[in-house]
Amino acid sequence: MKSYAPEVIADSTGKWCGNSLRFATREEAEANVRDLKMRWMLVRETRVIESDDRVNYAWVDGKLVALVKREEQIR
């Protein structure tokens, strides 16, 4: 099952950086990364990539919602 991961470039290196957030839809990931860009002043570019990781977050009514407990993510 694929998921979608938001990534940003936030410095002059041009390196894409992401985190452990994985969404069920591209639209959720895009909404999340747009929100991040609004809050972080140094974001230069954003993108969403496909991932083979399992979905662990949802974007609901403009808020991030964890779908699994933190201990389960570490496994």
PDB file of N, CA and C in Angstrom:
ATOM      1  N   MET A   1       0.837  -1.179   0.000  1.00  0.00           N
ATOM      2  CA  MET A   1       0.000   0.000   0.000  1.00  0.00           C
ATOM      3  C   MET A   1       0.881   1.241   0.000  1.00  0.00           C
ATOM      4  N   LYS A   2       0.607   2.156  -0.892  1.00  0.00           N
ATOM      5  CA  LYS A   2       1.431   3.359  -0.928  1.00  0.00           C
ATOM      6  C   LYS A   2       0.865   4.444  -0.035  1.00  0.00           C
ATOM      7  N   SER A   3       1.747   5.358   0.305  1.00  0.00           N
ATOM      8  CA  SER A   3       1.365   6.523   1.078  1.00  0.00           C
ATOM      9  C   SER A   3       2.040   7.732   0.432  1.00  0.00           C
ATOM     10  N   TYR A   4       1.804   8.895   0.994  1.00  0.00           N
ATOM     11  CA  TYR A   4       2.352  10.131   0.439  1.00  0.00           C
ATOM     12  C   TYR A   4       3.095  10.888   1.530  1.00  0.00           C
ATOM     13  N   ALA A   5       4.299  11.328   1.195  1.00  0.00           N
ATOM     14  CA  ALA A   5       5.177  11.978   2.164  1.00  0.00           C
ATOM     15  C   ALA A   5       5.481  13.415   1.743  1.00  0.00           C
ATOM     16  N   PRO A   6       5.250  14.380   2.627  1.00  0.00           N
ATOM     17  CA  PRO A   6       5.611  15.762   2.321  1.00  0.00           C
ATOM     18  C   PRO A   6       7.103  15.990   2.538  1.00  0.00           C
ATOM     19  N   GLU A   7       7.697  16.799   1.676  1.00  0.00           N
ATOM     20  CA  GLU A   7       9.110  17.163   1.812  1.00  0.00           C
ATOM     21  C   GLU A   7       9.286  18.649   1.511  1.00  0.00           C
ATOM     22  N   VAL A   8      10.365  19.217   2.066  1.00  0.00           N
ATOM     23  CA  VAL A   8      10.674  20.630   1.838  1.00  0.00           C
ATOM     24  C   VAL A   8      12.163  20.820   1.585  1.00  0.00           C
ATOM     25  N   ILE A   9      12.485  21.914   0.935  1.00  0.00           N
ATOM     26  CA  ILE A   9      13.853  22.443   0.914  1.00  0.00           C
ATOM     27  C   ILE A   9      13.797  23.678   1.783  1.00  0.00           C
ATOM     28  N   ALA A  10      14.596  23.705   2.846  1.00  0.00           N
ATOM     29  CA  ALA A  10      14.522  24.811   3.801  1.00  0.00           C
ATOM     30  C   ALA A  10      15.868  25.498   4.021  1.00  0.00           C
ATOM     31  N   ASP A  11      16.806  25.295   3.105  1.00  0.00           N
ATOM     32  CA  ASP A  11      18.091  25.978   3.212  1.00  0.00           C
ATOM     33  C   ASP A  11      18.701  26.110   1.826  1.00  0.00           C
ATOM     34  N   SER A  12      19.932  26.557   1.753  1.00  0.00           N
ATOM     35  CA  SER A  12      20.559  26.802   0.454  1.00  0.00           C
ATOM     36  C   SER A  12      21.218  25.568  -0.150  1.00  0.00           C
ATOM     37  N   THR A  13      21.156  24.411   0.516  1.00  0.00           N
ATOM     38  CA  THR A  13      21.792  23.202  -0.025  1.00  0.00           C
ATOM     39  C   THR A  13      21.006  22.594  -1.170  1.00  0.00           C
ATOM     40  N   GLY A  14      19.709  22.869  -1.233  1.00  0.00           N
ATOM     41  CA  GLY A  14      18.870  22.271  -2.259  1.00  0.00           C
ATOM     42  C   GLY A  14      18.462  20.846  -1.942  1.00  0.00           C
ATOM     43  N   LYS A  15      18.754  20.386  -0.732  1.00  0.00           N
ATOM     44  CA  LYS A  15      18.440  19.015  -0.326  1.00  0.00           C
ATOM     45  C   LYS A  15      16.993  18.924   0.164  1.00  0.00           C
ATOM     46  N   TRP A  16      16.258  17.925  -0.361  1.00  0.00           N
ATOM     47  CA  TRP A  16      14.884  17.676   0.089  1.00  0.00           C
ATOM     48  C   TRP A  16      14.925  16.980   1.436  1.00  0.00           C
ATOM     49  N   CYS A  17      14.104  17.451   2.375  1.00  0.00           N
ATOM     50  CA  CYS A  17      14.036  16.870   3.714  1.00  0.00           C
ATOM     51  C   CYS A  17      12.589  16.536   4.048  1.00  0.00           C
ATOM     52  N   GLY A  18      12.420  15.399   4.697  1.00  0.00           N
ATOM     53  CA  GLY A  18      11.092  14.987   5.115  1.00  0.00           C
ATOM     54  C   GLY A  18      11.114  14.530   6.559  1.00  0.00           C
ATOM     55  N   ASN A  19      10.010  13.978   6.976  1.00  0.00           N
ATOM     56  CA  ASN A  19       9.907  13.444   8.332  1.00  0.00           C
ATOM     57  C   ASN A  19       9.136  12.136   8.250  1.00  0.00           C
ATOM     58  N   SER A  20       8.610  11.674   9.323  1.00  0.00           N
ATOM     59  CA  SER A  20       7.939  10.372   9.332  1.00  0.00           C
ATOM     60  C   SER A  20       6.449  10.457   8.996  1.00  0.00           C
ATOM     61  N   LEU A  21       5.956  11.623   8.607  1.00  0.00           N
ATOM     62  CA  LEU A  21       4.545  11.755   8.289  1.00  0.00           C
ATOM     63  C   LEU A  21       4.225  11.066   6.968  1.00  0.00           C
ATOM     64  N   ARG A  22       3.213  10.173   6.999  1.00  0.00           N
ATOM     65  CA  ARG A  22       2.760   9.480   5.794  1.00  0.00           C
ATOM     66  C   ARG A  22       1.239   9.552   5.748  1.00  0.00           C
ATOM     67  N   PHE A  23       0.720  10.022   4.618  1.00  0.00           N
ATOM     68  CA  PHE A  23      -0.713  10.250   4.456  1.00  0.00           C
ATOM     69  C   PHE A  23      -1.301   9.296   3.423  1.00  0.00           C
ATOM     70  N   ALA A  24      -2.595   9.053   3.537  1.00  0.00           N
ATOM     71  CA  ALA A  24      -3.294   8.147   2.623  1.00  0.00           C
ATOM     72  C   ALA A  24      -3.491   8.764   1.244  1.00  0.00           C
ATOM     73  N   THR A  25      -3.595  10.087   1.189  1.00  0.00           N
ATOM     74  CA  THR A  25      -3.832  10.743  -0.100  1.00  0.00           C
ATOM     75  C   THR A  25      -2.809  11.839  -0.353  1.00  0.00           C
ATOM     76  N   ARG A  26      -2.582  12.075  -1.629  1.00  0.00           N
ATOM     77  CA  ARG A  26      -1.688  13.172  -2.027  1.00  0.00           C
ATOM     78  C   ARG A  26      -2.250  14.502  -1.525  1.00  0.00           C
ATOM     79  N   GLU A  27      -3.569  14.645  -1.563  1.00  0.00           N
ATOM     80  CA  GLU A  27      -4.201  15.900  -1.143  1.00  0.00           C
ATOM     81  C   GLU A  27      -3.924  16.207   0.328  1.00  0.00           C
ATOM     82  N   GLU A  28      -3.984  15.188   1.180  1.00  0.00           N
ATOM     83  CA  GLU A  28      -3.679  15.396   2.603  1.00  0.00           C
ATOM     84  C   GLU A  28      -2.230  15.837   2.783  1.00  0.00           C
ATOM     85  N   ALA A  29      -1.309  15.161   2.102  1.00  0.00           N
ATOM     86  CA  ALA A  29       0.110  15.508   2.215  1.00  0.00           C
ATOM     87  C   ALA A  29       0.370  16.920   1.695  1.00  0.00           C
ATOM     88  N   GLU A  30      -0.276  17.292   0.599  1.00  0.00           N
ATOM     89  CA  GLU A  30      -0.109  18.642   0.063  1.00  0.00           C
ATOM     90  C   GLU A  30      -0.649  19.696   1.015  1.00  0.00           C
ATOM     91  N   ALA A  31      -1.784  19.427   1.641  1.00  0.00           N
ATOM     92  CA  ALA A  31      -2.338  20.372   2.617  1.00  0.00           C
ATOM     93  C   ALA A  31      -1.399  20.519   3.807  1.00  0.00           C
ATOM     94  N   ASN A  32      -0.826  19.412   4.252  1.00  0.00           N
ATOM     95  CA  ASN A  32       0.105  19.455   5.376  1.00  0.00           C
ATOM     96  C   ASN A  32       1.352  20.257   5.036  1.00  0.00           C
ATOM     97  N   VAL A  33       1.925  20.031   3.870  1.00  0.00           N
ATOM     98  CA  VAL A  33       3.163  20.730   3.522  1.00  0.00           C
ATOM     99  C   VAL A  33       2.898  22.212   3.234  1.00  0.00           C
ATOM    100  N   ARG A  34       1.704  22.546   2.731  1.00  0.00           N
ATOM    101  CA  ARG A  34       1.344  23.974   2.577  1.00  0.00           C
ATOM    102  C   ARG A  34       1.267  24.651   3.941  1.00  0.00           C
ATOM    103  N   ASP A  35       0.682  23.951   4.914  1.00  0.00           N
ATOM    104  CA  ASP A  35       0.602  24.485   6.274  1.00  0.00           C
ATOM    105  C   ASP A  35       1.998  24.707   6.846  1.00  0.00           C
ATOM    106  N   LEU A  36       2.870  23.748   6.630  1.00  0.00           N
ATOM    107  CA  LEU A  36       4.247  23.872   7.111  1.00  0.00           C
ATOM    108  C   LEU A  36       4.932  25.086   6.484  1.00  0.00           C
ATOM    109  N   LYS A  37       4.736  25.264   5.188  1.00  0.00           N
ATOM    110  CA  LYS A  37       5.351  26.400   4.499  1.00  0.00           C
ATOM    111  C   LYS A  37       4.859  27.734   5.061  1.00  0.00           C
ATOM    112  N   MET A  38       3.607  27.786   5.473  1.00  0.00           N
ATOM    113  CA  MET A  38       3.067  29.020   6.055  1.00  0.00           C
ATOM    114  C   MET A  38       3.701  29.329   7.412  1.00  0.00           C
ATOM    115  N   ARG A  39       4.090  28.282   8.148  1.00  0.00           N
ATOM    116  CA  ARG A  39       4.635  28.474   9.492  1.00  0.00           C
ATOM    117  C   ARG A  39       6.158  28.611   9.510  1.00  0.00           C
ATOM    118  N   TRP A  40       6.853  28.010   8.560  1.00  0.00           N
ATOM    119  CA  TRP A  40       8.313  28.074   8.502  1.00  0.00           C
ATOM    120  C   TRP A  40       8.723  29.132   7.485  1.00  0.00           C
ATOM    121  N   MET A  41       9.475  30.094   7.902  1.00  0.00           N
ATOM    122  CA  MET A  41       9.848  31.192   7.019  1.00  0.00           C
ATOM    123  C   MET A  41      10.903  30.800   5.985  1.00  0.00           C
ATOM    124  N   LEU A  42      11.697  29.773   6.252  1.00  0.00           N
ATOM    125  CA  LEU A  42      12.810  29.450   5.368  1.00  0.00           C
ATOM    126  C   LEU A  42      12.492  28.413   4.290  1.00  0.00           C
ATOM    127  N   VAL A  43      11.286  27.928   4.225  1.00  0.00           N
ATOM    128  CA  VAL A  43      10.938  26.929   3.212  1.00  0.00           C
ATOM    129  C   VAL A  43      11.034  27.563   1.822  1.00  0.00           C
ATOM    130  N   ARG A  44      11.844  26.953   0.974  1.00  0.00           N
ATOM    131  CA  ARG A  44      12.037  27.462  -0.387  1.00  0.00           C
ATOM    132  C   ARG A  44      11.159  26.734  -1.394  1.00  0.00           C
ATOM    133  N   GLU A  45      11.012  25.419  -1.205  1.00  0.00           N
ATOM    134  CA  GLU A  45      10.199  24.614  -2.113  1.00  0.00           C
ATOM    135  C   GLU A  45       9.526  23.493  -1.332  1.00  0.00           C
ATOM    136  N   THR A  46       8.424  23.007  -1.867  1.00  0.00           N
ATOM    137  CA  THR A  46       7.730  21.871  -1.260  1.00  0.00           C
ATOM    138  C   THR A  46       7.407  20.850  -2.344  1.00  0.00           C
ATOM    139  N   ARG A  47       7.224  19.612  -1.906  1.00  0.00           N
ATOM    140  CA  ARG A  47       6.766  18.564  -2.814  1.00  0.00           C
ATOM    141  C   ARG A  47       6.164  17.443  -2.004  1.00  0.00           C
ATOM    142  N   VAL A  48       5.470  16.557  -2.691  1.00  0.00           N
ATOM    143  CA  VAL A  48       4.922  15.349  -2.085  1.00  0.00           C
ATOM    144  C   VAL A  48       5.397  14.178  -2.930  1.00  0.00           C
ATOM    145  N   ILE A  49       5.946  13.163  -2.267  1.00  0.00           N
ATOM    146  CA  ILE A  49       6.428  11.982  -2.979  1.00  0.00           C
ATOM    147  C   ILE A  49       5.659  10.754  -2.519  1.00  0.00           C
ATOM    148  N   GLU A  50       5.627   9.743  -3.362  1.00  0.00           N
ATOM    149  CA  GLU A  50       5.023   8.473  -2.975  1.00  0.00           C
ATOM    150  C   GLU A  50       6.002   7.714  -2.098  1.00  0.00           C
ATOM    151  N   SER A  51       5.457   6.934  -1.175  1.00  0.00           N
ATOM    152  CA  SER A  51       6.258   6.156  -0.246  1.00  0.00           C
ATOM    153  C   SER A  51       5.647   4.764  -0.096  1.00  0.00           C
ATOM    154  N   ASP A  52       6.488   3.798   0.256  1.00  0.00           N
ATOM    155  CA  ASP A  52       6.002   2.453   0.557  1.00  0.00           C
ATOM    156  C   ASP A  52       5.694   2.289   2.043  1.00  0.00           C
ATOM    157  N   ASP A  53       5.947   3.328   2.838  1.00  0.00           N
ATOM    158  CA  ASP A  53       5.669   3.282   4.275  1.00  0.00           C
ATOM    159  C   ASP A  53       4.165   3.254   4.517  1.00  0.00           C
ATOM    160  N   ARG A  54       3.776   2.727   5.660  1.00  0.00           N
ATOM    161  CA  ARG A  54       2.345   2.688   5.962  1.00  0.00           C
ATOM    162  C   ARG A  54       1.839   4.068   6.384  1.00  0.00           C
ATOM    163  N   VAL A  55       0.590   4.294   6.125  1.00  0.00           N
ATOM    164  CA  VAL A  55      -0.063   5.553   6.501  1.00  0.00           C
ATOM    165  C   VAL A  55      -0.095   5.649   8.018  1.00  0.00           C
ATOM    166  N   ASN A  56       0.365   6.794   8.558  1.00  0.00           N
ATOM    167  CA  ASN A  56       0.363   6.954  10.013  1.00  0.00           C
ATOM    168  C   ASN A  56      -0.255   8.277  10.481  1.00  0.00           C
ATOM    169  N   TYR A  57      -0.637   9.121   9.536  1.00  0.00           N
ATOM    170  CA  TYR A  57      -1.274  10.398   9.894  1.00  0.00           C
ATOM    171  C   TYR A  57      -2.390  10.715   8.911  1.00  0.00           C
ATOM    172  N   ALA A  58      -3.299  11.540   9.360  1.00  0.00           N
ATOM    173  CA  ALA A  58      -4.346  12.089   8.507  1.00  0.00           C
ATOM    174  C   ALA A  58      -4.363  13.596   8.704  1.00  0.00           C
ATOM    175  N   TRP A  59      -4.861  14.305   7.712  1.00  0.00           N
ATOM    176  CA  TRP A  59      -5.033  15.747   7.794  1.00  0.00           C
ATOM    177  C   TRP A  59      -6.535  15.993   7.821  1.00  0.00           C
ATOM    178  N   VAL A  60      -7.059  16.370   9.001  1.00  0.00           N
ATOM    179  CA  VAL A  60      -8.495  16.493   9.209  1.00  0.00           C
ATOM    180  C   VAL A  60      -8.822  17.908   9.687  1.00  0.00           C
ATOM    181  N   ASP A  61      -9.636  18.595   8.921  1.00  0.00           N
ATOM    182  CA  ASP A  61     -10.055  19.955   9.280  1.00  0.00           C
ATOM    183  C   ASP A  61      -8.867  20.854   9.606  1.00  0.00           C
ATOM    184  N   GLY A  62      -7.805  20.750   8.797  1.00  0.00           N
ATOM    185  CA  GLY A  62      -6.640  21.607   8.974  1.00  0.00           C
ATOM    186  C   GLY A  62      -5.737  21.232  10.127  1.00  0.00           C
ATOM    187  N   LYS A  63      -5.892  20.004  10.643  1.00  0.00           N
ATOM    188  CA  LYS A  63      -5.074  19.571  11.772  1.00  0.00           C
ATOM    189  C   LYS A  63      -4.495  18.191  11.517  1.00  0.00           C
ATOM    190  N   LEU A  64      -3.310  17.972  12.071  1.00  0.00           N
ATOM    191  CA  LEU A  64      -2.621  16.694  11.968  1.00  0.00           C
ATOM    192  C   LEU A  64      -3.184  15.723  12.998  1.00  0.00           C
ATOM    193  N   VAL A  65      -3.552  14.522  12.561  1.00  0.00           N
ATOM    194  CA  VAL A  65      -4.124  13.511  13.442  1.00  0.00           C
ATOM    195  C   VAL A  65      -3.310  12.229  13.309  1.00  0.00           C
ATOM    196  N   ALA A  66      -2.732  11.765  14.422  1.00  0.00           N
ATOM    197  CA  ALA A  66      -1.974  10.514  14.421  1.00  0.00           C
ATOM    198  C   ALA A  66      -2.937   9.334  14.333  1.00  0.00           C
ATOM    199  N   LEU A  67      -2.609   8.377  13.463  1.00  0.00           N
ATOM    200  CA  LEU A  67      -3.457   7.205  13.293  1.00  0.00           C
ATOM    201  C   LEU A  67      -2.949   5.997  14.066  1.00  0.00           C
ATOM    202  N   VAL A  68      -1.687   6.041  14.491  1.00  0.00           N
ATOM    203  CA  VAL A  68      -1.111   4.959  15.288  1.00  0.00           C
ATOM    204  C   VAL A  68      -0.418   5.556  16.495  1.00  0.00           C
ATOM    205  N   LYS A  69      -0.301   4.758  17.523  1.00  0.00           N
ATOM    206  CA  LYS A  69       0.388   5.233  18.714  1.00  0.00           C
ATOM    207  C   LYS A  69       1.877   5.345  18.462  1.00  0.00           C
ATOM    208  N   ARG A  70       2.539   6.238  19.155  1.00  0.00           N
ATOM    209  CA  ARG A  70       3.963   6.493  18.984  1.00  0.00           C
ATOM    210  C   ARG A  70       4.793   5.210  19.123  1.00  0.00           C
ATOM    211  N   GLU A  71       4.451   4.334  20.070  1.00  0.00           N
ATOM    212  CA  GLU A  71       5.214   3.100  20.284  1.00  0.00           C
ATOM    213  C   GLU A  71       5.142   2.194  19.045  1.00  0.00           C
ATOM    214  N   GLU A  72       4.007   2.195  18.348  1.00  0.00           N
ATOM    215  CA  GLU A  72       3.842   1.362  17.169  1.00  0.00           C
ATOM    216  C   GLU A  72       4.668   1.907  16.001  1.00  0.00           C
ATOM    217  N   GLN A  73       4.875   3.215  15.941  1.00  0.00           N
ATOM    218  CA  GLN A  73       5.672   3.813  14.865  1.00  0.00           C
ATOM    219  C   GLN A  73       7.131   3.409  14.995  1.00  0.00           C
ATOM    220  N   ILE A  74       7.623   3.231  16.201  1.00  0.00           N
ATOM    221  CA  ILE A  74       9.026   2.926  16.437  1.00  0.00           C
ATOM    222  C   ILE A  74       9.371   1.501  15.980  1.00  0.00           C
ATOM    223  N   ARG A  75       8.435   0.595  16.066  1.00  0.00           N
ATOM    224  CA  ARG A  75       8.686  -0.801  15.678  1.00  0.00           C
ATOM    225  C   ARG A  75       9.060  -0.974  14.256  1.00  0.00           C
TER     226      ARG A  75
END
